[in-house]
């Protein structure tokens, strides 16, 4: 039903959510004793961690199979990138598409690569450095709050322990909004021809 209304991409996302929810049940069942009983034997926790590691690998491999089954059923398994329609935001000089033979905008891949590696990549690295720098400031503030609380134990000093976390959460939220806007702007500026390519580059920026 989701596929018929929203399309294959959204349906595949919800298909993964459904699959992943059921895949977590064995880990949850096995994890209940670990939560209920405070075991001193840390070997048991190592065993549980090992199981989680193996299980996460298995569920990803099984999902690949299920994903292939769904896409085969929907007729999208063998869709090629060259048959994708250009995204609405794509612009360039009009030319003839060698695959479809239709007239459509063309844009140099070299220009796109230059924009990615000379502008987008340095910007993402700079933002990453800035986020790490802000994190170090947060650690310094947290240490200062702990030292202040040890020297002056009071209700006010107890409240001060929460201040660094509150400031950090607000700053991170603001930085996320700014970075998200910048990532979308840069990805559009890179002028990707296909929607899938645009989404991949945007996701990579946001993920980093």
Protein backbone atom coordinates (compact mmCIF):
# COMPACT_ATOMS: atom_id res chain seq x y z
CA UNK A 1 0.00 0.00 0.00
CA UNK A 2 2.82 2.42 0.86
CA UNK A 3 4.55 1.59 -2.44
CA UNK A 4 1.39 2.27 -4.46
CA UNK A 5 0.86 5.65 -2.77
CA UNK A 6 4.39 7.01 -2.17
CA UNK A 7 6.58 5.00 -4.55
CA UNK A 8 9.30 2.37 -4.22
CA UNK A 9 11.87 4.52 -2.39
CA UNK A 10 9.60 5.36 0.57
CA UNK A 11 8.17 1.83 0.62
CA UNK A 12 11.67 0.34 0.82
CA UNK A 13 12.48 2.60 3.77
CA UNK A 14 9.41 1.47 5.70
CA UNK A 15 10.12 -2.12 4.67
CA UNK A 16 13.54 -1.81 6.29
CA UNK A 17 12.03 -0.29 9.46
CA UNK A 18 9.57 -3.19 9.75
CA UNK A 19 12.33 -5.75 9.16
CA UNK A 20 14.75 -4.06 11.58
CA UNK A 21 12.11 -3.90 14.34
CA UNK A 22 11.51 -7.66 14.12
CA UNK A 23 15.28 -8.31 13.86
CA UNK A 24 15.79 -6.58 17.24
CA UNK A 25 13.46 -9.01 19.06
CA UNK A 26 16.07 -11.82 19.57
CA UNK A 27 18.58 -9.33 20.96
CA UNK A 28 15.92 -7.87 23.25
CA UNK A 29 14.87 -11.31 24.55
CA UNK A 30 18.46 -12.39 25.21
CA UNK A 31 19.26 -8.98 26.74
CA UNK A 32 16.48 -9.12 29.37
CA UNK A 33 18.47 -11.29 31.85
CA UNK A 34 21.45 -8.94 31.48
CA UNK A 35 19.21 -6.02 32.41
CA UNK A 36 17.42 -7.78 35.30
CA UNK A 37 20.46 -9.42 36.93
CA UNK A 38 23.56 -7.37 37.75
CA UNK A 39 26.16 -10.02 36.98
CA UNK A 40 29.70 -9.56 38.24
CA UNK A 41 31.04 -12.01 35.65
CA UNK A 42 32.01 -9.77 32.75
CA UNK A 43 32.55 -12.79 30.47
CA UNK A 44 28.76 -12.94 30.13
CA UNK A 45 28.74 -9.37 28.79
CA UNK A 46 31.50 -10.27 26.34
CA UNK A 47 29.35 -13.16 25.11
CA UNK A 48 26.36 -10.85 24.67
CA UNK A 49 28.47 -8.27 22.83
CA UNK A 50 29.83 -11.01 20.55
CA UNK A 51 26.30 -12.20 19.83
CA UNK A 52 25.22 -8.64 18.99
CA UNK A 53 28.17 -8.27 16.63
CA UNK A 54 27.39 -11.53 14.82
CA UNK A 55 23.64 -10.90 14.78
CA UNK A 56 24.05 -7.40 13.31
CA UNK A 57 26.11 -8.89 10.48
CA UNK A 58 23.52 -11.62 9.84
CA UNK A 59 20.52 -9.26 9.78
CA UNK A 60 22.26 -6.97 7.28
CA UNK A 61 22.99 -9.90 4.96
CA UNK A 62 19.41 -11.18 5.29
CA UNK A 63 18.11 -7.66 4.59
CA UNK A 64 20.08 -7.58 1.32
CA UNK A 65 18.18 -10.70 0.32
CA UNK A 66 14.81 -9.26 1.38
CA UNK A 67 15.61 -5.98 -0.38
CA UNK A 68 16.33 -7.89 -3.60
CA UNK A 69 13.03 -9.80 -3.22
CA UNK A 70 11.03 -6.57 -2.81
CA UNK A 71 12.72 -4.75 -5.69
CA UNK A 72 12.26 -7.80 -7.94
CA UNK A 73 8.58 -7.98 -7.01
CA UNK A 74 8.17 -4.24 -7.77
CA UNK A 75 10.08 -4.44 -11.06
CA UNK A 76 12.87 -2.06 -9.99
CA UNK A 77 15.71 -4.57 -9.49
CA UNK A 78 17.34 -3.99 -12.88
CA UNK A 79 16.69 -0.25 -13.23
CA UNK A 80 19.83 1.47 -14.53
CA UNK A 81 21.05 4.91 -13.50
CA UNK A 82 21.33 6.06 -17.13
CA UNK A 83 17.56 5.69 -17.55
CA UNK A 84 16.79 7.98 -14.61
CA UNK A 85 15.16 11.27 -15.50
CA UNK A 86 17.23 14.40 -14.74
CA UNK A 87 16.26 16.06 -11.46
CA UNK A 88 14.24 19.31 -11.74
CA UNK A 89 17.05 21.43 -10.25
CA UNK A 90 19.63 20.23 -12.78
CA UNK A 91 20.76 22.87 -15.30
CA UNK A 92 23.28 23.11 -18.11
CA UNK A 93 23.79 23.63 -21.84
CA UNK A 94 21.27 21.81 -24.04
CA UNK A 95 22.63 18.69 -25.75
CA UNK A 96 21.57 15.24 -27.00
CA UNK A 97 21.45 12.37 -24.50
CA UNK A 98 23.36 9.46 -26.11
CA UNK A 99 21.10 6.87 -24.42
CA UNK A 100 17.62 8.29 -24.97
CA UNK A 101 18.42 10.48 -28.00
CA UNK A 102 16.42 13.34 -26.47
CA UNK A 103 17.52 16.94 -26.07
CA UNK A 104 18.25 17.77 -22.43
CA UNK A 105 20.66 19.87 -20.32
CA UNK A 106 24.30 18.73 -20.17
CA UNK A 107 26.86 19.68 -17.50
CA UNK A 108 30.58 18.89 -17.38
CA UNK A 109 31.44 16.23 -14.81
CA UNK A 110 34.88 17.88 -14.40
CA UNK A 111 33.24 21.11 -13.20
CA UNK A 112 31.14 19.09 -10.79
CA UNK A 113 34.18 17.25 -9.42
CA UNK A 114 36.04 20.55 -8.98
CA UNK A 115 33.14 21.97 -7.00
CA UNK A 116 32.98 18.85 -4.83
CA UNK A 117 36.72 18.54 -4.07
CA UNK A 118 37.71 22.23 -3.98
CA UNK A 119 34.69 23.68 -2.17
CA UNK A 120 32.34 21.10 -0.61
CA UNK A 121 35.01 18.77 0.80
CA UNK A 122 37.08 21.56 2.48
CA UNK A 123 33.86 23.06 3.89
CA UNK A 124 32.77 19.71 5.40
CA UNK A 125 36.26 19.20 6.89
CA UNK A 126 36.19 22.72 8.35
CA UNK A 127 32.77 22.08 9.91
CA UNK A 128 34.01 18.77 11.31
CA UNK A 129 37.00 20.52 12.89
CA UNK A 130 34.73 23.23 14.30
CA UNK A 131 32.36 20.65 15.82
CA UNK A 132 35.30 18.89 17.50
CA UNK A 133 36.55 22.24 18.80
CA UNK A 134 33.12 23.01 20.28
CA UNK A 135 33.10 19.56 21.88
CA UNK A 136 36.47 20.25 23.55
CA UNK A 137 35.08 23.54 24.88
CA UNK A 138 32.15 21.59 26.32
CA UNK A 139 34.54 19.19 28.10
CA UNK A 140 36.42 22.16 29.57
CA UNK A 141 33.16 23.72 30.79
CA UNK A 142 32.07 20.41 32.31
CA UNK A 143 35.38 20.08 34.17
CA UNK A 144 35.07 23.67 35.39
CA UNK A 145 31.52 22.96 36.68
CA UNK A 146 32.74 19.83 38.52
CA UNK A 147 35.62 21.73 40.13
CA UNK A 148 33.29 24.56 41.12
CA UNK A 149 30.86 22.09 42.69
CA UNK A 150 33.64 20.43 44.71
CA UNK A 151 34.86 23.77 46.05
CA UNK A 152 31.43 25.29 46.71
CA UNK A 153 28.88 22.58 47.42
CA UNK A 154 25.46 24.20 47.34
CA UNK A 155 22.17 24.09 45.44
CA UNK A 156 23.53 26.65 43.01
CA UNK A 157 26.66 24.60 42.31
CA UNK A 158 24.49 21.51 41.77
CA UNK A 159 22.49 23.40 39.17
CA UNK A 160 25.70 24.58 37.53
CA UNK A 161 26.57 20.94 36.77
CA UNK A 162 23.74 20.90 34.20
CA UNK A 163 24.62 24.21 32.55
CA UNK A 164 27.41 22.90 30.23
CA UNK A 165 25.15 20.13 28.89
CA UNK A 166 22.28 22.56 28.28
CA UNK A 167 24.55 25.03 26.48
CA UNK A 168 26.11 22.25 24.42
CA UNK A 169 22.71 20.84 23.40
CA UNK A 170 21.47 24.27 22.27
CA UNK A 171 24.70 25.04 20.37
CA UNK A 172 24.64 21.64 18.65
CA UNK A 173 21.03 22.12 17.58
CA UNK A 174 21.82 25.55 16.09
CA UNK A 175 24.93 24.18 14.36
CA UNK A 176 22.91 21.28 12.94
CA UNK A 177 20.34 23.65 11.42
CA UNK A 178 23.03 25.85 9.86
CA UNK A 179 25.04 22.88 8.60
CA UNK A 180 21.96 21.17 7.14
CA UNK A 181 21.08 24.33 5.21
CA UNK A 182 24.70 24.69 4.00
CA UNK A 183 24.85 21.00 2.98
CA UNK A 184 21.65 21.29 0.94
CA UNK A 185 22.88 24.51 -0.70
CA UNK A 186 26.27 23.01 -1.61
CA UNK A 187 24.74 19.79 -2.95
CA UNK A 188 22.36 21.79 -5.16
CA UNK A 189 25.27 24.01 -6.27
CA UNK A 190 27.23 20.89 -7.30
CA UNK A 191 24.47 20.45 -9.93
CA UNK A 192 23.95 16.68 -9.86
CA UNK A 193 22.04 15.34 -12.84
CA UNK A 194 20.27 12.48 -11.05
CA UNK A 195 18.15 12.59 -7.91
CA UNK A 196 19.90 9.47 -6.58
CA UNK A 197 23.32 11.13 -6.97
CA UNK A 198 22.03 14.30 -5.28
CA UNK A 199 20.63 12.31 -2.34
CA UNK A 200 23.83 10.25 -1.97
CA UNK A 201 26.03 13.35 -1.76
CA UNK A 202 23.63 15.09 0.63
CA UNK A 203 23.43 12.03 2.91
CA UNK A 204 27.23 11.73 2.92
CA UNK A 205 27.63 15.36 4.01
CA UNK A 206 24.99 15.09 6.74
CA UNK A 207 26.34 11.74 7.97
CA UNK A 208 29.88 13.09 8.32
